[in-house]
Amino acid sequence: MPRRTPGVQPTHAGVPRSSRAAGTSRTISGLVGAAQHDAELARMWHERVYLPTRTVTVERIRRAQAGGRLPDIDPQILADLLAAPIWFRFLLAGGDPSPEHADAVFQAVLR
């Protein structure tokens, strides 16, 4: 069982809760891929998915830092470190990230 930081819950690295349902990785991968060639879709993804998720993630990191539960690392960098392995698995490895995987990433980043 991975070691947990007391009082800090993993945010699943910014993966929207609705996206964590089984079997959605192909749909999300398709949308992200299509957004590479469709400026309007890219804009909508950025505004409706990325920015709101990123804002919540960074705010959670800041609150945990203020409470002494996370190290004093730039919250934007920490958010990137947490999100990248989850999105890699989600988009490129073809696997839906599980809460256990997200927790393992969280613990590895904070070592």
Protein backbone atom coordinates (compact mmCIF):
# COMPACT_ATOMS: atom_id res chain seq x y z
CA MET A 1 0.00 0.00 0.00
CA PRO A 2 1.52 3.39 -0.95
CA ARG A 3 2.41 5.77 1.86
CA ARG A 4 -0.05 8.66 2.13
CA THR A 5 0.75 12.17 3.20
CA PRO A 6 -1.49 12.87 6.23
CA GLY A 7 -4.35 15.21 5.44
CA VAL A 8 -3.68 15.32 1.68
CA GLN A 9 -5.86 13.50 -0.80
CA PRO A 10 -4.58 12.92 -4.33
CA THR A 11 -6.45 14.99 -6.90
CA HIS A 12 -5.90 12.36 -9.58
CA ALA A 13 -3.59 14.84 -11.23
CA GLY A 14 -6.23 16.93 -12.79
CA VAL A 15 -8.05 14.19 -14.63
CA PRO A 16 -11.71 15.28 -14.52
CA ARG A 17 -13.86 12.97 -12.39
CA SER A 18 -16.24 12.38 -15.30
CA SER A 19 -13.26 11.20 -17.38
CA ARG A 20 -12.24 8.49 -14.94
CA ALA A 21 -15.13 6.19 -15.85
CA ALA A 22 -13.97 2.92 -17.38
CA GLY A 23 -13.34 2.95 -21.13
CA THR A 24 -13.15 6.69 -21.70
CA SER A 25 -9.46 6.91 -22.57
CA ARG A 26 -10.10 6.35 -26.29
CA THR A 27 -12.75 9.05 -26.39
CA ILE A 28 -10.55 11.58 -24.57
CA SER A 29 -7.54 10.60 -26.68
CA GLY A 30 -9.62 11.17 -29.80
CA LEU A 31 -10.75 14.59 -28.63
CA VAL A 32 -7.23 15.66 -27.70
CA GLY A 33 -5.93 14.35 -31.03
CA ALA A 34 -8.65 16.14 -32.97
CA ALA A 35 -7.92 19.36 -31.08
CA GLN A 36 -4.43 19.32 -32.61
CA HIS A 37 -6.04 19.99 -35.99
CA ASP A 38 -9.15 21.95 -35.00
CA ALA A 39 -8.50 25.38 -33.49
CA GLU A 40 -12.06 25.80 -32.21
CA LEU A 41 -12.03 22.41 -30.49
CA ALA A 42 -8.61 23.23 -29.00
CA ARG A 43 -9.93 26.54 -27.67
CA MET A 44 -13.00 24.88 -26.18
CA TRP A 45 -10.91 22.10 -24.58
CA HIS A 46 -8.53 24.68 -23.10
CA GLU A 47 -11.32 26.88 -21.73
CA ARG A 48 -13.79 24.22 -20.59
CA VAL A 49 -11.57 21.34 -19.48
CA TYR A 50 -7.96 22.38 -18.98
CA LEU A 51 -8.30 25.78 -17.28
CA PRO A 52 -11.03 24.84 -14.77
CA THR A 53 -9.25 21.61 -13.86
CA ARG A 54 -5.87 23.30 -13.60
CA THR A 55 -7.30 26.09 -11.43
CA VAL A 56 -8.79 23.60 -8.97
CA THR A 57 -5.61 21.52 -8.88
CA VAL A 58 -3.32 24.52 -8.23
CA GLU A 59 -5.67 25.87 -5.56
CA ARG A 60 -5.69 22.51 -3.75
CA ILE A 61 -1.90 22.45 -3.87
CA ARG A 62 -1.71 25.99 -2.44
CA ARG A 63 -4.12 25.13 0.40
CA ALA A 64 -2.12 22.02 1.26
CA GLN A 65 1.11 24.05 1.20
CA ALA A 66 -0.41 26.72 3.43
CA GLY A 67 -1.37 23.98 5.90
CA GLY A 68 2.15 22.54 5.84
CA ARG A 69 1.04 19.32 4.17
CA LEU A 70 3.00 19.80 0.93
CA PRO A 71 6.52 21.09 0.34
CA ASP A 72 7.14 24.65 -0.81
CA ILE A 73 7.44 23.92 -4.53
CA ASP A 74 5.99 26.20 -7.20
CA PRO A 75 2.35 24.99 -7.38
CA GLN A 76 2.35 25.20 -11.18
CA ILE A 77 5.41 22.92 -11.39
CA LEU A 78 3.98 20.52 -8.83
CA ALA A 79 0.71 20.37 -10.80
CA ASP A 80 2.70 19.54 -13.95
CA LEU A 81 4.66 16.82 -12.15
CA LEU A 82 1.46 15.25 -10.88
CA ALA A 83 -0.53 15.55 -14.10
CA ALA A 84 2.01 14.43 -16.68
CA PRO A 85 2.23 10.71 -15.77
CA ILE A 86 -1.54 10.43 -15.42
CA TRP A 87 -2.22 12.08 -18.78
CA PHE A 88 0.55 10.01 -20.38
CA ARG A 89 -1.19 6.83 -19.26
CA PHE A 90 -4.56 8.20 -20.27
CA LEU A 91 -3.59 9.47 -23.72
CA LEU A 92 -0.68 7.37 -24.92
CA ALA A 93 -0.64 4.11 -23.00
CA GLY A 94 -4.36 3.56 -23.54
CA GLY A 95 -5.21 2.94 -19.91
CA ASP A 96 -7.73 4.60 -17.70
CA PRO A 97 -5.85 5.95 -14.66
CA SER A 98 -7.05 4.39 -11.43
CA PRO A 99 -7.14 6.10 -8.04
CA GLU A 100 -4.37 3.70 -6.97
CA HIS A 101 -2.16 4.75 -9.88
CA ALA A 102 -2.81 8.43 -9.17
CA ASP A 103 -1.93 7.86 -5.50
CA ALA A 104 1.30 6.08 -6.47
CA VAL A 105 2.24 9.02 -8.74
CA PHE A 106 1.43 11.46 -5.94
CA GLN A 107 3.64 9.59 -3.49
CA ALA A 108 6.51 9.24 -5.99
CA VAL A 109 6.50 12.95 -6.81
CA LEU A 110 6.58 13.92 -3.14
CA ARG A 111 9.53 11.70 -2.20
